[in-house]
Amino acid sequence: MNIVVLVKQVPDTATERKLNPADHTLDRAGSDGVINELCEYAIEEALLQREKHGGEVTVVSMGPDQATDSIRKALSMGADKAVHLNDEALHGSDALQTAYALAQTLSTVSYDLVILGSESTDARTGVLGAALAEYLGVPQLTQASKVDIEDGTATIRRTTDYGYDVVTASLPAVVSVVEKINEPRYPSFKLIMQAKKKPVEKLDLAAAGISAEKVGLANAATEVTDAAPAPPRAAGTVVKDEGDGGVKIAEFLAEKKFV
């Protein structure tokens, strides 16, 4: 079975993230880039499915030059090869444009299953899986906490507020996963060294068959028109306990309408 796992590099959530003042896009150069956390769960699931059914795992990533670091990490976890879509014309693409661009990229790859995280920490739109499936014309299985593949059919547990639903679809399909699905493995030293020799195919718009008029900030369906820095965190209220600390806390909570 040929599995594609989508990987995204995002700014480290431990650092301050900023927007470029000129166009209100995320300033990726202003903070360290790391692999999106939920992408690691998607990679692990792809590897587990390969171990069960054979085949290979291909990493597909859309991003600037520095996204290579996240691609290499995915390869060091055990993926077989990678495709890196990298073109300056993609700058500022929104979620729908990203889905279109990735769908075009996937037309260059043989796949039975596409796995991705349910959202990214930099945008949190949570729509990429659904939009990608629409562009590809295949079923979508979202919010998966468990995936089983048998006889050309994918069955998942879809996480819900009340528990989970069991959903099935024929392959090929797109599956987005949540963090409850598995525990991502740590790359061994041997795999890290092997990852340096694994093939990474680099594509631009022309090579992927992507129309420049359908991607990029100027053609985006959504736009950030204004942004302002978050206000500094205000000092907290200190309650000094002089035998009546409980009363003071209760009064404070009542004043704020928490109780």
C-alpha atoms as a PDB file:
ATOM      1  CA  MET A   1       0.000   0.000   0.000  1.00  0.00           C
ATOM      2  CA  ASN A   2       1.317   3.414  -0.948  1.00  0.00           C
ATOM      3  CA  ILE A   3       0.705   5.998   1.765  1.00  0.00           C
ATOM      4  CA  VAL A   4       1.226   9.747   1.511  1.00  0.00           C
ATOM      5  CA  VAL A   5       1.611  11.714   4.741  1.00  0.00           C
ATOM      6  CA  LEU A   6       1.347  15.501   4.642  1.00  0.00           C
ATOM      7  CA  VAL A   7       3.875  17.392   6.741  1.00  0.00           C
ATOM      8  CA  LYS A   8       3.957  21.078   7.561  1.00  0.00           C
ATOM      9  CA  GLN A   9       6.627  23.198   9.180  1.00  0.00           C
ATOM     10  CA  VAL A  10       5.231  25.775  11.608  1.00  0.00           C
ATOM     11  CA  PRO A  11       6.712  28.405  13.946  1.00  0.00           C
ATOM     12  CA  ASP A  12       7.657  27.041  17.340  1.00  0.00           C
ATOM     13  CA  THR A  13       4.746  27.685  19.708  1.00  0.00           C
ATOM     14  CA  ALA A  14       7.262  28.303  22.502  1.00  0.00           C
ATOM     15  CA  THR A  15       8.439  31.467  20.748  1.00  0.00           C
ATOM     16  CA  GLU A  16       6.622  34.694  19.971  1.00  0.00           C
ATOM     17  CA  ARG A  17       4.879  34.575  16.612  1.00  0.00           C
ATOM     18  CA  LYS A  18       4.403  37.707  14.554  1.00  0.00           C
ATOM     19  CA  LEU A  19       2.781  38.826  11.324  1.00  0.00           C
ATOM     20  CA  ASN A  20       4.619  40.658   8.584  1.00  0.00           C
ATOM     21  CA  PRO A  21       3.393  44.267   8.793  1.00  0.00           C
ATOM     22  CA  ALA A  22       3.424  44.651   5.002  1.00  0.00           C
ATOM     23  CA  ASP A  23       0.943  41.896   4.115  1.00  0.00           C
ATOM     24  CA  HIS A  24      -0.194  40.402   7.463  1.00  0.00           C
ATOM     25  CA  THR A  25       1.136  36.961   6.605  1.00  0.00           C
ATOM     26  CA  LEU A  26       2.921  34.891   9.206  1.00  0.00           C
ATOM     27  CA  ASP A  27       6.559  35.881   9.701  1.00  0.00           C
ATOM     28  CA  ARG A  28       8.117  32.423   9.397  1.00  0.00           C
ATOM     29  CA  ALA A  29      11.663  33.746   9.349  1.00  0.00           C
ATOM     30  CA  GLY A  30      11.127  35.508  12.659  1.00  0.00           C
ATOM     31  CA  SER A  31      10.947  32.331  14.744  1.00  0.00           C
ATOM     32  CA  ASP A  32      12.341  28.821  14.741  1.00  0.00           C
ATOM     33  CA  GLY A  33      10.502  26.376  12.540  1.00  0.00           C
ATOM     34  CA  VAL A  34       9.430  22.960  13.830  1.00  0.00           C
ATOM     35  CA  ILE A  35       7.356  20.125  12.466  1.00  0.00           C
ATOM     36  CA  ASN A  36       3.660  20.590  13.225  1.00  0.00           C
ATOM     37  CA  GLU A  37       2.827  18.469  16.271  1.00  0.00           C
ATOM     38  CA  LEU A  38      -0.145  16.659  14.744  1.00  0.00           C
ATOM     39  CA  CYS A  39       1.941  15.850  11.669  1.00  0.00           C
ATOM     40  CA  GLU A  40       4.060  13.597  13.877  1.00  0.00           C
ATOM     41  CA  TYR A  41       0.964  11.573  14.774  1.00  0.00           C
ATOM     42  CA  ALA A  42       0.094  11.365  11.074  1.00  0.00           C
ATOM     43  CA  ILE A  43       3.616  10.146  10.269  1.00  0.00           C
ATOM     44  CA  GLU A  44       3.450   7.526  13.008  1.00  0.00           C
ATOM     45  CA  GLU A  45       0.097   6.259  11.745  1.00  0.00           C
ATOM     46  CA  ALA A  46       1.437   6.039   8.196  1.00  0.00           C
ATOM     47  CA  LEU A  47       4.399   4.009   9.452  1.00  0.00           C
ATOM     48  CA  LEU A  48       2.158   1.693  11.475  1.00  0.00           C
ATOM     49  CA  GLN A  49      -0.056   1.063   8.449  1.00  0.00           C
ATOM     50  CA  ARG A  50       3.017   0.327   6.329  1.00  0.00           C
ATOM     51  CA  GLU A  51       4.216  -2.165   8.925  1.00  0.00           C
ATOM     52  CA  LYS A  52       0.847  -3.948   8.717  1.00  0.00           C
ATOM     53  CA  HIS A  53       0.269  -3.842   4.973  1.00  0.00           C
ATOM     54  CA  GLY A  54       3.656  -3.253   3.355  1.00  0.00           C
ATOM     55  CA  GLY A  55       4.331  -0.637   0.688  1.00  0.00           C
ATOM     56  CA  GLU A  56       5.989   2.724   1.236  1.00  0.00           C
ATOM     57  CA  VAL A  57       5.404   6.071   2.910  1.00  0.00           C
ATOM     58  CA  THR A  58       5.939   9.273   0.963  1.00  0.00           C
ATOM     59  CA  VAL A  59       6.172  12.624   2.741  1.00  0.00           C
ATOM     60  CA  VAL A  60       4.639  15.580   0.901  1.00  0.00           C
ATOM     61  CA  SER A  61       5.264  19.094   2.183  1.00  0.00           C
ATOM     62  CA  MET A  62       4.494  22.576   0.878  1.00  0.00           C
ATOM     63  CA  GLY A  63       6.682  25.337   2.214  1.00  0.00           C
ATOM     64  CA  PRO A  64       9.810  27.472   1.844  1.00  0.00           C
ATOM     65  CA  ASP A  65      13.409  26.258   1.950  1.00  0.00           C
ATOM     66  CA  GLN A  66      13.478  25.867   5.734  1.00  0.00           C
ATOM     67  CA  ALA A  67      10.678  23.269   5.531  1.00  0.00           C
ATOM     68  CA  THR A  68      13.439  20.829   4.552  1.00  0.00           C
ATOM     69  CA  ASP A  69      14.238  20.424   8.260  1.00  0.00           C
ATOM     70  CA  SER A  70      10.749  19.071   8.975  1.00  0.00           C
ATOM     71  CA  ILE A  71      10.865  16.849   5.903  1.00  0.00           C
ATOM     72  CA  ARG A  72      14.136  15.334   7.102  1.00  0.00           C
ATOM     73  CA  LYS A  73      12.658  14.693  10.534  1.00  0.00           C
ATOM     74  CA  ALA A  74       9.763  12.826   8.927  1.00  0.00           C
ATOM     75  CA  LEU A  75      12.252  10.767   6.943  1.00  0.00           C
ATOM     76  CA  SER A  76      14.269  10.086  10.087  1.00  0.00           C
ATOM     77  CA  MET A  77      11.140   8.706  11.741  1.00  0.00           C
ATOM     78  CA  GLY A  78      11.037   6.096   8.983  1.00  0.00           C
ATOM     79  CA  ALA A  79       9.300   7.496   5.890  1.00  0.00           C
ATOM     80  CA  ASP A  80      10.795   6.273   2.607  1.00  0.00           C
ATOM     81  CA  LYS A  81      10.962   9.387   0.441  1.00  0.00           C
ATOM     82  CA  ALA A  82       9.627  12.917   0.140  1.00  0.00           C
ATOM     83  CA  VAL A  83       8.250  15.520  -2.241  1.00  0.00           C
ATOM     84  CA  HIS A  84       8.842  19.190  -1.417  1.00  0.00           C
ATOM     85  CA  LEU A  85       6.612  21.759  -3.137  1.00  0.00           C
ATOM     86  CA  ASN A  86       8.510  25.028  -2.936  1.00  0.00           C
ATOM     87  CA  ASP A  87       7.791  28.146  -4.983  1.00  0.00           C
ATOM     88  CA  GLU A  88       7.777  31.822  -4.004  1.00  0.00           C
ATOM     89  CA  ALA A  89       4.456  32.199  -5.838  1.00  0.00           C
ATOM     90  CA  LEU A  90       2.805  30.103  -3.099  1.00  0.00           C
ATOM     91  CA  HIS A  91       3.467  32.778  -0.458  1.00  0.00           C
ATOM     92  CA  GLY A  92       0.269  33.885   1.238  1.00  0.00           C
ATOM     93  CA  SER A  93      -1.868  31.010  -0.036  1.00  0.00           C
ATOM     94  CA  ASP A  94      -4.892  30.347   2.158  1.00  0.00           C
ATOM     95  CA  ALA A  95      -6.248  26.938   3.193  1.00  0.00           C
ATOM     96  CA  LEU A  96      -8.276  26.406   0.013  1.00  0.00           C
ATOM     97  CA  GLN A  97      -5.357  27.338  -2.220  1.00  0.00           C
ATOM     98  CA  THR A  98      -3.085  25.087  -0.203  1.00  0.00           C
ATOM     99  CA  ALA A  99      -5.505  22.189  -0.685  1.00  0.00           C
ATOM    100  CA  TYR A 100      -5.552  22.837  -4.435  1.00  0.00           C
ATOM    101  CA  ALA A 101      -1.756  23.012  -4.630  1.00  0.00           C
ATOM    102  CA  LEU A 102      -1.318  19.814  -2.614  1.00  0.00           C
ATOM    103  CA  ALA A 103      -3.928  18.018  -4.714  1.00  0.00           C
ATOM    104  CA  GLN A 104      -1.991  18.950  -7.854  1.00  0.00           C
ATOM    105  CA  THR A 105       1.212  17.749  -6.216  1.00  0.00           C
ATOM    106  CA  LEU A 106      -0.407  14.435  -5.306  1.00  0.00           C
ATOM    107  CA  SER A 107      -1.183  13.890  -8.978  1.00  0.00           C
ATOM    108  CA  THR A 108       2.555  13.222  -9.359  1.00  0.00           C
ATOM    109  CA  VAL A 109       2.532  10.559  -6.616  1.00  0.00           C
ATOM    110  CA  SER A 110       0.962   7.099  -6.487  1.00  0.00           C
ATOM    111  CA  TYR A 111      -1.151   6.694  -3.333  1.00  0.00           C
ATOM    112  CA  ASP A 112      -3.841   4.541  -1.757  1.00  0.00           C
ATOM    113  CA  LEU A 113      -4.162   6.581   1.414  1.00  0.00           C
ATOM    114  CA  VAL A 114      -3.402  10.182   2.386  1.00  0.00           C
ATOM    115  CA  ILE A 115      -2.890  10.890   6.101  1.00  0.00           C
ATOM    116  CA  LEU A 116      -2.533  14.314   7.741  1.00  0.00           C
ATOM    117  CA  GLY A 117      -3.019  15.986  11.089  1.00  0.00           C
ATOM    118  CA  SER A 118      -6.448  17.441  11.781  1.00  0.00           C
ATOM    119  CA  GLU A 119      -5.026  20.974  12.103  1.00  0.00           C
ATOM    120  CA  SER A 120      -1.816  22.987  12.248  1.00  0.00           C
ATOM    121  CA  THR A 121      -0.665  25.113  15.168  1.00  0.00           C
ATOM    122  CA  ASP A 122      -0.058  28.198  13.028  1.00  0.00           C
ATOM    123  CA  ALA A 123      -3.472  28.494  11.348  1.00  0.00           C
ATOM    124  CA  ARG A 124      -5.830  26.029  13.069  1.00  0.00           C
ATOM    125  CA  THR A 125      -8.368  26.173  10.236  1.00  0.00           C
ATOM    126  CA  GLY A 126      -8.975  22.422  10.409  1.00  0.00           C
ATOM    127  CA  VAL A 127     -10.360  22.380   6.857  1.00  0.00           C
ATOM    128  CA  LEU A 128      -7.414  21.166   4.796  1.00  0.00           C
ATOM    129  CA  GLY A 129      -8.324  17.481   4.926  1.00  0.00           C
ATOM    130  CA  ALA A 130     -11.870  18.088   3.729  1.00  0.00           C
ATOM    131  CA  ALA A 131     -10.830  20.534   1.022  1.00  0.00           C
ATOM    132  CA  LEU A 132      -8.057  18.237  -0.201  1.00  0.00           C
ATOM    133  CA  ALA A 133     -10.460  15.280  -0.467  1.00  0.00           C
ATOM    134  CA  GLU A 134     -12.844  17.442  -2.482  1.00  0.00           C
ATOM    135  CA  TYR A 135     -10.116  18.440  -4.923  1.00  0.00           C
ATOM    136  CA  LEU A 136      -8.941  14.839  -5.225  1.00  0.00           C
ATOM    137  CA  GLY A 137     -12.478  13.497  -5.609  1.00  0.00           C
ATOM    138  CA  VAL A 138     -11.995  10.856  -2.880  1.00  0.00           C
ATOM    139  CA  PRO A 139     -13.734  10.157   0.458  1.00  0.00           C
ATOM    140  CA  GLN A 140     -12.663  12.025   3.588  1.00  0.00           C
ATOM    141  CA  LEU A 141     -12.400  10.450   7.041  1.00  0.00           C
ATOM    142  CA  THR A 142     -11.803  13.157   9.634  1.00  0.00           C
ATOM    143  CA  GLN A 143     -10.854  13.382  13.330  1.00  0.00           C
ATOM    144  CA  ALA A 144      -9.637   9.783  13.381  1.00  0.00           C
ATOM    145  CA  SER A 145      -8.492   8.305  16.704  1.00  0.00           C
ATOM    146  CA  LYS A 146      -8.125   4.823  15.207  1.00  0.00           C
ATOM    147  CA  VAL A 147      -7.606   3.590  11.634  1.00  0.00           C
ATOM    148  CA  ASP A 148      -8.084   0.073  10.271  1.00  0.00           C
ATOM    149  CA  ILE A 149      -7.465  -0.896   6.650  1.00  0.00           C
ATOM    150  CA  GLU A 150      -8.863  -4.138   5.235  1.00  0.00           C
ATOM    151  CA  ASP A 151      -9.843  -5.306   1.745  1.00  0.00           C
ATOM    152  CA  GLY A 152      -9.553  -1.867   0.190  1.00  0.00           C
ATOM    153  CA  THR A 153     -11.678  -0.210   2.874  1.00  0.00           C
ATOM    154  CA  ALA A 154     -10.654   2.241   5.602  1.00  0.00           C
ATOM    155  CA  THR A 155     -12.560   2.222   8.900  1.00  0.00           C
ATOM    156  CA  ILE A 156     -11.958   4.902  11.504  1.00  0.00           C
ATOM    157  CA  ARG A 157     -13.158   5.980  14.891  1.00  0.00           C
ATOM    158  CA  ARG A 158     -14.112   9.633  14.511  1.00  0.00           C
ATOM    159  CA  THR A 159     -13.733  11.564  17.746  1.00  0.00           C
ATOM    160  CA  THR A 160     -16.894  13.395  18.859  1.00  0.00           C
ATOM    161  CA  ASP A 161     -18.107  15.267  21.932  1.00  0.00           C
ATOM    162  CA  TYR A 162     -20.127  12.223  22.982  1.00  0.00           C
ATOM    163  CA  GLY A 163     -17.496   9.559  22.230  1.00  0.00           C
ATOM    164  CA  TYR A 164     -16.836   8.393  18.694  1.00  0.00           C
ATOM    165  CA  ASP A 165     -18.515   7.387  15.439  1.00  0.00           C
ATOM    166  CA  VAL A 166     -17.405   4.476  13.267  1.00  0.00           C
ATOM    167  CA  VAL A 167     -17.009   5.614   9.665  1.00  0.00           C
ATOM    168  CA  THR A 168     -15.917   3.612   6.623  1.00  0.00           C
ATOM    169  CA  ALA A 169     -14.865   4.524   3.096  1.00  0.00           C
ATOM    170  CA  SER A 170     -13.284   2.805   0.138  1.00  0.00           C
ATOM    171  CA  LEU A 171      -9.693   3.573  -0.804  1.00  0.00           C
ATOM    172  CA  PRO A 172      -8.175   5.835  -1.957  1.00  0.00           C
ATOM    173  CA  ALA A 173      -9.196   8.193   0.838  1.00  0.00           C
ATOM    174  CA  VAL A 174      -7.972  11.130   2.913  1.00  0.00           C
ATOM    175  CA  VAL A 175      -7.707  10.583   6.679  1.00  0.00           C
ATOM    176  CA  SER A 176      -7.047  13.338   9.215  1.00  0.00           C
ATOM    177  CA  VAL A 177      -5.928  12.201  12.663  1.00  0.00           C
ATOM    178  CA  VAL A 178      -6.049  13.516  16.238  1.00  0.00           C
ATOM    179  CA  GLU A 179      -3.396  13.191  18.929  1.00  0.00           C
ATOM    180  CA  LYS A 180      -5.171  10.277  20.665  1.00  0.00           C
ATOM    181  CA  ILE A 181      -4.436   7.949  17.750  1.00  0.00           C
ATOM    182  CA  ASN A 182      -0.915   6.854  18.750  1.00  0.00           C
ATOM    183  CA  GLU A 183       2.393   7.843  20.329  1.00  0.00           C
ATOM    184  CA  PRO A 184       4.947   9.106  17.764  1.00  0.00           C
ATOM    185  CA  ARG A 185       8.290   7.309  17.828  1.00  0.00           C
ATOM    186  CA  TYR A 186      11.642   8.969  18.405  1.00  0.00           C
ATOM    187  CA  PRO A 187      14.064   8.714  15.471  1.00  0.00           C
ATOM    188  CA  SER A 188      17.000   6.422  16.163  1.00  0.00           C
ATOM    189  CA  PHE A 189      20.530   7.509  15.322  1.00  0.00           C
ATOM    190  CA  LYS A 190      20.602   4.922  12.539  1.00  0.00           C
ATOM    191  CA  LEU A 191      17.414   6.292  10.952  1.00  0.00           C
ATOM    192  CA  ILE A 192      18.663   9.874  11.284  1.00  0.00           C
ATOM    193  CA  MET A 193      21.764   8.966   9.315  1.00  0.00           C
ATOM    194  CA  GLN A 194      19.745   7.032   6.736  1.00  0.00           C
ATOM    195  CA  ALA A 195      17.378   9.978   6.286  1.00  0.00           C
ATOM    196  CA  LYS A 196      20.216  12.068   4.851  1.00  0.00           C
ATOM    197  CA  LYS A 197      20.375   9.709   1.870  1.00  0.00           C
ATOM    198  CA  LYS A 198      16.654   9.312   1.234  1.00  0.00           C
ATOM    199  CA  PRO A 199      15.342  10.979  -1.937  1.00  0.00           C
ATOM    200  CA  VAL A 200      13.585  14.353  -1.726  1.00  0.00           C
ATOM    201  CA  GLU A 201      11.991  15.461  -4.995  1.00  0.00           C
ATOM    202  CA  LYS A 202      11.662  19.227  -5.309  1.00  0.00           C
ATOM    203  CA  LEU A 203       8.788  20.658  -7.333  1.00  0.00           C
ATOM    204  CA  ASP A 204       7.841  24.184  -8.327  1.00  0.00           C
ATOM    205  CA  LEU A 205       4.458  25.311  -9.677  1.00  0.00           C
ATOM    206  CA  ALA A 206       5.183  24.260 -13.243  1.00  0.00           C
ATOM    207  CA  ALA A 207       6.454  20.800 -12.291  1.00  0.00           C
ATOM    208  CA  ALA A 208       3.361  20.142 -10.160  1.00  0.00           C
ATOM    209  CA  GLY A 209       0.949  21.471 -12.771  1.00  0.00           C
ATOM    210  CA  ILE A 210      -0.228  24.312 -10.531  1.00  0.00           C
ATOM    211  CA  SER A 211      -1.767  27.428 -12.080  1.00  0.00           C
ATOM    212  CA  ALA A 212      -0.126  30.568 -10.694  1.00  0.00           C
ATOM    213  CA  GLU A 213      -3.483  32.368 -10.923  1.00  0.00           C
ATOM    214  CA  LYS A 214      -4.956  29.985  -8.348  1.00  0.00           C
ATOM    215  CA  VAL A 215      -2.421  30.409  -5.562  1.00  0.00           C
ATOM    216  CA  GLY A 216      -0.654  33.179  -3.675  1.00  0.00           C
ATOM    217  CA  LEU A 217      -1.675  36.129  -1.569  1.00  0.00           C
ATOM    218  CA  ALA A 218      -3.050  38.191  -4.448  1.00  0.00           C
ATOM    219  CA  ASN A 219      -5.450  35.402  -5.455  1.00  0.00           C
ATOM    220  CA  ALA A 220      -6.506  34.233  -1.993  1.00  0.00           C
ATOM    221  CA  ALA A 221     -10.214  33.945  -1.156  1.00  0.00           C
ATOM    222  CA  THR A 222      -9.519  35.139   2.388  1.00  0.00           C
ATOM    223  CA  GLU A 223      -7.590  38.181   3.584  1.00  0.00           C
ATOM    224  CA  VAL A 224      -6.285  39.614   6.852  1.00  0.00           C
ATOM    225  CA  THR A 225      -7.077  43.330   6.663  1.00  0.00           C
ATOM    226  CA  ASP A 226      -5.753  44.439  10.042  1.00  0.00           C
ATOM    227  CA  ALA A 227      -3.868  43.082  13.028  1.00  0.00           C
ATOM    228  CA  ALA A 228      -2.576  44.398  16.328  1.00  0.00           C
ATOM    229  CA  PRO A 229      -0.230  42.919  18.935  1.00  0.00           C
ATOM    230  CA  ALA A 230      -1.912  41.239  21.872  1.00  0.00           C
ATOM    231  CA  PRO A 231      -2.031  43.535  24.911  1.00  0.00           C
ATOM    232  CA  PRO A 232       0.501  42.779  27.642  1.00  0.00           C
ATOM    233  CA  ARG A 233      -0.767  40.466  30.334  1.00  0.00           C
ATOM    234  CA  ALA A 234      -2.141  42.441  33.269  1.00  0.00           C
ATOM    235  CA  ALA A 235      -0.903  41.810  36.769  1.00  0.00           C
ATOM    236  CA  GLY A 236      -2.973  39.330  38.736  1.00  0.00           C
ATOM    237  CA  THR A 237      -4.882  39.985  41.929  1.00  0.00           C
ATOM    238  CA  VAL A 238      -3.120  38.793  45.072  1.00  0.00           C
ATOM    239  CA  VAL A 239      -5.334  37.708  47.951  1.00  0.00           C
ATOM    240  CA  LYS A 240      -3.572  37.824  51.315  1.00  0.00           C
ATOM    241  CA  ASP A 241      -4.989  35.287  53.689  1.00  0.00           C
ATOM    242  CA  GLU A 242      -5.532  36.776  57.127  1.00  0.00           C
ATOM    243  CA  GLY A 243      -8.044  34.194  58.182  1.00  0.00           C
ATOM    244  CA  ASP A 244     -10.596  35.385  55.632  1.00  0.00           C
ATOM    245  CA  GLY A 245      -8.853  34.277  52.411  1.00  0.00           C
ATOM    246  CA  GLY A 246     -11.717  32.014  51.384  1.00  0.00           C
ATOM    247  CA  VAL A 247     -14.244  34.818  51.730  1.00  0.00           C
ATOM    248  CA  LYS A 248     -12.082  37.201  49.703  1.00  0.00           C
ATOM    249  CA  ILE A 249     -11.679  34.662  46.892  1.00  0.00           C
ATOM    250  CA  ALA A 250     -15.430  33.995  46.853  1.00  0.00           C
ATOM    251  CA  GLU A 251     -16.145  37.725  46.681  1.00  0.00           C
ATOM    252  CA  PHE A 252     -13.643  38.129  43.828  1.00  0.00           C
ATOM    253  CA  LEU A 253     -15.196  35.295  41.840  1.00  0.00           C
ATOM    254  CA  ALA A 254     -18.688  36.689  42.432  1.00  0.00           C
ATOM    255  CA  GLU A 255     -17.558  40.153  41.311  1.00  0.00           C
ATOM    256  CA  LYS A 256     -16.237  38.646  38.045  1.00  0.00           C
ATOM    257  CA  LYS A 257     -19.500  36.667  37.685  1.00  0.00           C
ATOM    258  CA  PHE A 258     -17.675  33.321  37.792  1.00  0.00           C
ATOM    259  CA  VAL A 259     -19.981  32.084  40.541  1.00  0.00           C
END
